[in-house]
């Protein structure tokens, strides 16, 4: 198993574990990106609005899988949520998550 396979395999298992525990998928892309396609039943809060809307995420009272286009913005979102005592992971790109479900 190569390094990338190991990394992506670990992320896949982590996403599966979170989903089994009732996680909510949080899409942090822009409205335009969201409108072009997204994971069904996911929650949409653009990254630039997350600071002002963190209460909405807390109110979900569920673990969070953050996603975006490539994983960069969702990594920032997951880190921010963790700093706000919300159990969150970076799920990476939304298409990969959609295909995993």
N, C-alpha and C. Protein backbone atom coordinates (compact mmCIF):
# COMPACT_ATOMS: atom_id res chain seq x y z
N UNK A 1 0.85 -1.18 0.00
CA UNK A 1 0.00 0.00 0.00
C UNK A 1 0.89 1.23 0.00
N UNK A 2 0.66 2.13 -0.95
CA UNK A 2 1.43 3.35 -1.03
C UNK A 2 1.00 4.37 0.01
N UNK A 3 1.80 5.40 0.15
CA UNK A 3 1.54 6.44 1.14
C UNK A 3 0.18 7.10 0.90
N UNK A 4 -0.11 7.49 -0.35
CA UNK A 4 -1.39 8.15 -0.64
C UNK A 4 -2.57 7.22 -0.39
N UNK A 5 -2.42 5.96 -0.73
CA UNK A 5 -3.48 5.00 -0.46
C UNK A 5 -3.72 4.88 1.03
N UNK A 6 -2.65 4.89 1.80
CA UNK A 6 -2.77 4.82 3.26
C UNK A 6 -3.51 6.04 3.79
N UNK A 7 -3.10 7.23 3.35
CA UNK A 7 -3.72 8.48 3.82
C UNK A 7 -5.20 8.51 3.44
N UNK A 8 -5.52 8.26 2.16
CA UNK A 8 -6.91 8.34 1.72
C UNK A 8 -7.73 7.19 2.30
N UNK A 9 -7.13 6.05 2.51
CA UNK A 9 -7.83 4.93 3.15
C UNK A 9 -8.19 5.26 4.59
N UNK A 10 -7.28 5.92 5.29
CA UNK A 10 -7.53 6.34 6.66
C UNK A 10 -8.66 7.36 6.70
N UNK A 11 -8.65 8.33 5.80
CA UNK A 11 -9.71 9.35 5.75
C UNK A 11 -11.05 8.68 5.45
N UNK A 12 -11.06 7.71 4.52
CA UNK A 12 -12.29 7.02 4.18
C UNK A 12 -12.85 6.30 5.40
N UNK A 13 -12.01 5.62 6.15
CA UNK A 13 -12.46 4.92 7.35
C UNK A 13 -12.98 5.90 8.39
N UNK A 14 -12.31 7.04 8.51
CA UNK A 14 -12.73 8.05 9.48
C UNK A 14 -14.10 8.61 9.10
N UNK A 15 -14.32 8.90 7.82
CA UNK A 15 -15.61 9.40 7.36
C UNK A 15 -16.69 8.34 7.61
N UNK A 16 -16.39 7.09 7.31
CA UNK A 16 -17.35 6.00 7.54
C UNK A 16 -17.71 5.90 9.01
N UNK A 17 -16.72 6.02 9.89
CA UNK A 17 -16.95 5.96 11.33
C UNK A 17 -17.84 7.11 11.78
N UNK A 18 -17.55 8.30 11.30
CA UNK A 18 -18.37 9.46 11.67
C UNK A 18 -19.80 9.30 11.15
N UNK A 19 -19.97 8.84 9.93
CA UNK A 19 -21.31 8.63 9.37
C UNK A 19 -22.08 7.61 10.20
N UNK A 20 -21.41 6.56 10.63
CA UNK A 20 -22.06 5.54 11.46
C UNK A 20 -22.51 6.11 12.79
N UNK A 21 -21.89 7.20 13.22
CA UNK A 21 -22.24 7.85 14.48
C UNK A 21 -23.18 9.04 14.27
N UNK A 22 -23.82 9.10 13.10
CA UNK A 22 -24.83 10.12 12.84
C UNK A 22 -24.32 11.49 12.46
N UNK A 23 -23.12 11.55 11.91
CA UNK A 23 -22.52 12.84 11.54
C UNK A 23 -23.33 13.58 10.49
N UNK A 24 -23.18 14.88 10.51
CA UNK A 24 -23.77 15.77 9.51
C UNK A 24 -22.66 16.23 8.59
N UNK A 25 -22.92 16.23 7.29
CA UNK A 25 -21.95 16.74 6.33
C UNK A 25 -22.17 18.23 6.18
N UNK A 26 -21.13 19.00 6.43
CA UNK A 26 -21.16 20.46 6.34
C UNK A 26 -20.35 20.89 5.13
N UNK A 27 -21.02 21.44 4.15
CA UNK A 27 -20.37 21.90 2.92
C UNK A 27 -20.03 23.38 3.10
N UNK A 28 -18.76 23.72 3.01
CA UNK A 28 -18.31 25.10 3.26
C UNK A 28 -17.94 25.85 1.97
N UNK A 29 -18.38 25.34 0.82
CA UNK A 29 -18.10 26.00 -0.44
C UNK A 29 -19.00 27.23 -0.61
N UNK A 30 -18.76 27.99 -1.65
CA UNK A 30 -19.56 29.17 -1.94
C UNK A 30 -20.96 28.75 -2.42
N UNK A 31 -21.86 29.71 -2.43
CA UNK A 31 -23.23 29.44 -2.90
C UNK A 31 -23.22 28.95 -4.35
N UNK A 32 -22.41 29.57 -5.18
CA UNK A 32 -22.33 29.17 -6.58
C UNK A 32 -21.85 27.71 -6.72
N UNK A 33 -20.84 27.33 -5.94
CA UNK A 33 -20.35 25.95 -5.97
C UNK A 33 -21.44 24.99 -5.48
N UNK A 34 -22.10 25.35 -4.40
CA UNK A 34 -23.18 24.54 -3.84
C UNK A 34 -24.28 24.32 -4.88
N UNK A 35 -24.66 25.41 -5.55
CA UNK A 35 -25.73 25.33 -6.54
C UNK A 35 -25.38 24.41 -7.70
N UNK A 36 -24.09 24.22 -7.97
CA UNK A 36 -23.68 23.36 -9.08
C UNK A 36 -23.69 21.88 -8.70
N UNK A 37 -23.92 21.56 -7.44
CA UNK A 37 -24.00 20.18 -6.98
C UNK A 37 -23.49 20.05 -5.56
N UNK A 38 -24.09 19.13 -4.81
CA UNK A 38 -23.70 18.91 -3.42
C UNK A 38 -24.19 17.54 -2.94
N UNK A 39 -23.73 17.15 -1.77
CA UNK A 39 -24.16 15.89 -1.18
C UNK A 39 -25.58 16.08 -0.65
N UNK A 40 -26.45 15.15 -1.00
CA UNK A 40 -27.84 15.21 -0.55
C UNK A 40 -27.90 15.23 0.98
N UNK A 41 -28.77 16.05 1.52
CA UNK A 41 -28.99 16.21 2.96
C UNK A 41 -27.83 16.86 3.70
N UNK A 42 -26.87 17.41 3.00
CA UNK A 42 -25.78 18.11 3.67
C UNK A 42 -26.25 19.51 4.06
N UNK A 43 -25.53 20.12 4.98
CA UNK A 43 -25.80 21.48 5.44
C UNK A 43 -24.82 22.40 4.74
N UNK A 44 -25.31 23.54 4.29
CA UNK A 44 -24.45 24.48 3.57
C UNK A 44 -24.23 25.74 4.39
N UNK A 45 -22.99 25.96 4.78
CA UNK A 45 -22.57 27.22 5.41
C UNK A 45 -21.22 27.56 4.79
N UNK A 46 -21.16 28.57 3.93
CA UNK A 46 -19.87 28.94 3.34
C UNK A 46 -18.84 29.27 4.42
N UNK A 47 -17.61 28.93 4.15
CA UNK A 47 -16.54 29.13 5.13
C UNK A 47 -16.51 30.56 5.64
N UNK A 48 -16.71 31.54 4.77
CA UNK A 48 -16.63 32.94 5.21
C UNK A 48 -17.80 33.35 6.10
N UNK A 49 -18.80 32.50 6.26
CA UNK A 49 -19.93 32.77 7.15
C UNK A 49 -19.88 31.93 8.42
N UNK A 50 -18.97 30.98 8.48
CA UNK A 50 -18.96 30.01 9.57
C UNK A 50 -18.78 30.65 10.94
N UNK A 51 -17.93 31.64 11.04
CA UNK A 51 -17.70 32.31 12.33
C UNK A 51 -19.00 32.87 12.90
N UNK A 52 -19.82 33.48 12.04
CA UNK A 52 -21.07 34.08 12.49
C UNK A 52 -22.20 33.07 12.66
N UNK A 53 -22.02 31.87 12.12
CA UNK A 53 -23.09 30.87 12.15
C UNK A 53 -22.72 29.61 12.92
N UNK A 54 -21.67 29.69 13.71
CA UNK A 54 -21.21 28.52 14.46
C UNK A 54 -22.30 28.00 15.40
N UNK A 55 -23.17 28.87 15.87
CA UNK A 55 -24.27 28.45 16.73
C UNK A 55 -25.19 27.47 16.04
N UNK A 56 -25.39 27.65 14.74
CA UNK A 56 -26.22 26.73 13.96
C UNK A 56 -25.60 25.33 13.95
N UNK A 57 -24.29 25.28 13.85
CA UNK A 57 -23.60 23.99 13.83
C UNK A 57 -23.68 23.35 15.22
N UNK A 58 -23.47 24.14 16.27
CA UNK A 58 -23.58 23.61 17.63
C UNK A 58 -24.97 23.07 17.89
N UNK A 59 -25.99 23.75 17.37
CA UNK A 59 -27.39 23.34 17.59
C UNK A 59 -27.70 21.98 16.96
N UNK A 60 -26.93 21.57 15.96
CA UNK A 60 -27.14 20.26 15.35
C UNK A 60 -26.86 19.15 16.35
N UNK A 61 -25.92 19.42 17.28
CA UNK A 61 -25.55 18.47 18.33
C UNK A 61 -25.17 17.10 17.75
N UNK A 62 -24.38 17.14 16.69
CA UNK A 62 -23.91 15.93 16.03
C UNK A 62 -22.47 16.13 15.58
N UNK A 63 -21.75 15.03 15.39
CA UNK A 63 -20.41 15.18 14.80
C UNK A 63 -20.52 15.75 13.39
N UNK A 64 -19.47 16.43 12.96
CA UNK A 64 -19.48 17.13 11.68
C UNK A 64 -18.39 16.59 10.76
N UNK A 65 -18.74 16.41 9.49
CA UNK A 65 -17.77 16.10 8.45
C UNK A 65 -17.78 17.31 7.52
N UNK A 66 -16.74 18.11 7.56
CA UNK A 66 -16.65 19.28 6.70
C UNK A 66 -16.14 18.87 5.32
N UNK A 67 -16.71 19.49 4.28
CA UNK A 67 -16.25 19.21 2.93
C UNK A 67 -16.26 20.50 2.12
N UNK A 68 -15.50 20.49 1.05
CA UNK A 68 -15.44 21.62 0.11
C UNK A 68 -15.12 21.04 -1.26
N UNK A 69 -14.36 21.74 -2.05
CA UNK A 69 -14.00 21.22 -3.37
C UNK A 69 -12.79 20.30 -3.30
N UNK A 70 -11.76 20.75 -2.59
CA UNK A 70 -10.50 19.99 -2.58
C UNK A 70 -10.07 19.52 -1.19
N UNK A 71 -10.59 20.13 -0.16
CA UNK A 71 -10.20 19.77 1.20
C UNK A 71 -9.48 20.87 1.95
N UNK A 72 -9.12 21.95 1.28
CA UNK A 72 -8.39 23.04 1.94
C UNK A 72 -9.32 23.84 2.85
N UNK A 73 -10.45 24.29 2.31
CA UNK A 73 -11.39 25.07 3.12
C UNK A 73 -12.02 24.21 4.20
N UNK A 74 -12.29 22.96 3.90
CA UNK A 74 -12.89 22.09 4.91
C UNK A 74 -11.92 21.79 6.05
N UNK A 75 -10.62 21.78 5.76
CA UNK A 75 -9.63 21.63 6.83
C UNK A 75 -9.68 22.83 7.76
N UNK A 76 -9.80 24.02 7.20
CA UNK A 76 -9.91 25.24 8.02
C UNK A 76 -11.19 25.20 8.84
N UNK A 77 -12.28 24.76 8.21
CA UNK A 77 -13.56 24.69 8.91
C UNK A 77 -13.50 23.70 10.07
N UNK A 78 -12.95 22.52 9.83
CA UNK A 78 -12.85 21.50 10.88
C UNK A 78 -12.01 22.01 12.05
N UNK A 79 -10.91 22.66 11.74
CA UNK A 79 -10.06 23.21 12.80
C UNK A 79 -10.82 24.26 13.62
N UNK A 80 -11.52 25.16 12.94
CA UNK A 80 -12.30 26.19 13.61
C UNK A 80 -13.38 25.56 14.49
N UNK A 81 -14.08 24.56 13.96
CA UNK A 81 -15.13 23.90 14.73
C UNK A 81 -14.56 23.20 15.95
N UNK A 82 -13.44 22.53 15.78
CA UNK A 82 -12.80 21.87 16.93
C UNK A 82 -12.43 22.88 18.01
N UNK A 83 -11.94 24.04 17.60
CA UNK A 83 -11.59 25.10 18.56
C UNK A 83 -12.82 25.63 19.29
N UNK A 84 -14.00 25.40 18.71
CA UNK A 84 -15.26 25.80 19.31
C UNK A 84 -15.99 24.62 19.95
N UNK A 85 -15.22 23.60 20.31
CA UNK A 85 -15.74 22.42 21.03
C UNK A 85 -16.80 21.65 20.25
N UNK A 86 -16.62 21.59 18.94
CA UNK A 86 -17.50 20.80 18.07
C UNK A 86 -16.65 19.68 17.49
N UNK A 87 -17.14 18.46 17.60
CA UNK A 87 -16.45 17.29 17.06
C UNK A 87 -16.56 17.32 15.54
N UNK A 88 -15.45 17.64 14.87
CA UNK A 88 -15.47 17.79 13.42
C UNK A 88 -14.20 17.23 12.80
N UNK A 89 -14.35 16.70 11.59
CA UNK A 89 -13.21 16.23 10.82
C UNK A 89 -13.27 16.84 9.43
N UNK A 90 -12.14 16.84 8.77
CA UNK A 90 -12.05 17.27 7.38
C UNK A 90 -12.33 16.06 6.49
N UNK A 91 -13.46 16.10 5.81
CA UNK A 91 -13.81 15.01 4.90
C UNK A 91 -13.20 15.17 3.52
N UNK A 92 -12.67 16.37 3.23
CA UNK A 92 -12.05 16.61 1.93
C UNK A 92 -13.07 17.06 0.90
N UNK A 93 -12.86 16.64 -0.34
CA UNK A 93 -13.71 17.04 -1.44
C UNK A 93 -15.10 16.42 -1.38
N UNK A 94 -16.11 17.20 -1.71
CA UNK A 94 -17.49 16.74 -1.60
C UNK A 94 -17.81 15.60 -2.57
N UNK A 95 -17.19 15.60 -3.73
CA UNK A 95 -17.47 14.54 -4.71
C UNK A 95 -17.01 13.19 -4.16
N UNK A 96 -15.85 13.18 -3.52
CA UNK A 96 -15.35 11.93 -2.94
C UNK A 96 -16.29 11.43 -1.85
N UNK A 97 -16.78 12.33 -1.02
CA UNK A 97 -17.71 11.94 0.04
C UNK A 97 -19.01 11.42 -0.58
N UNK A 98 -19.51 12.13 -1.58
CA UNK A 98 -20.74 11.71 -2.24
C UNK A 98 -20.59 10.30 -2.80
N UNK A 99 -19.46 10.02 -3.40
CA UNK A 99 -19.22 8.69 -3.98
C UNK A 99 -19.03 7.62 -2.91
N UNK A 100 -18.66 8.05 -1.72
CA UNK A 100 -18.41 7.11 -0.62
C UNK A 100 -19.71 6.70 0.05
N UNK A 101 -20.73 7.54 -0.05
CA UNK A 101 -22.00 7.25 0.64
C UNK A 101 -22.81 6.22 -0.09
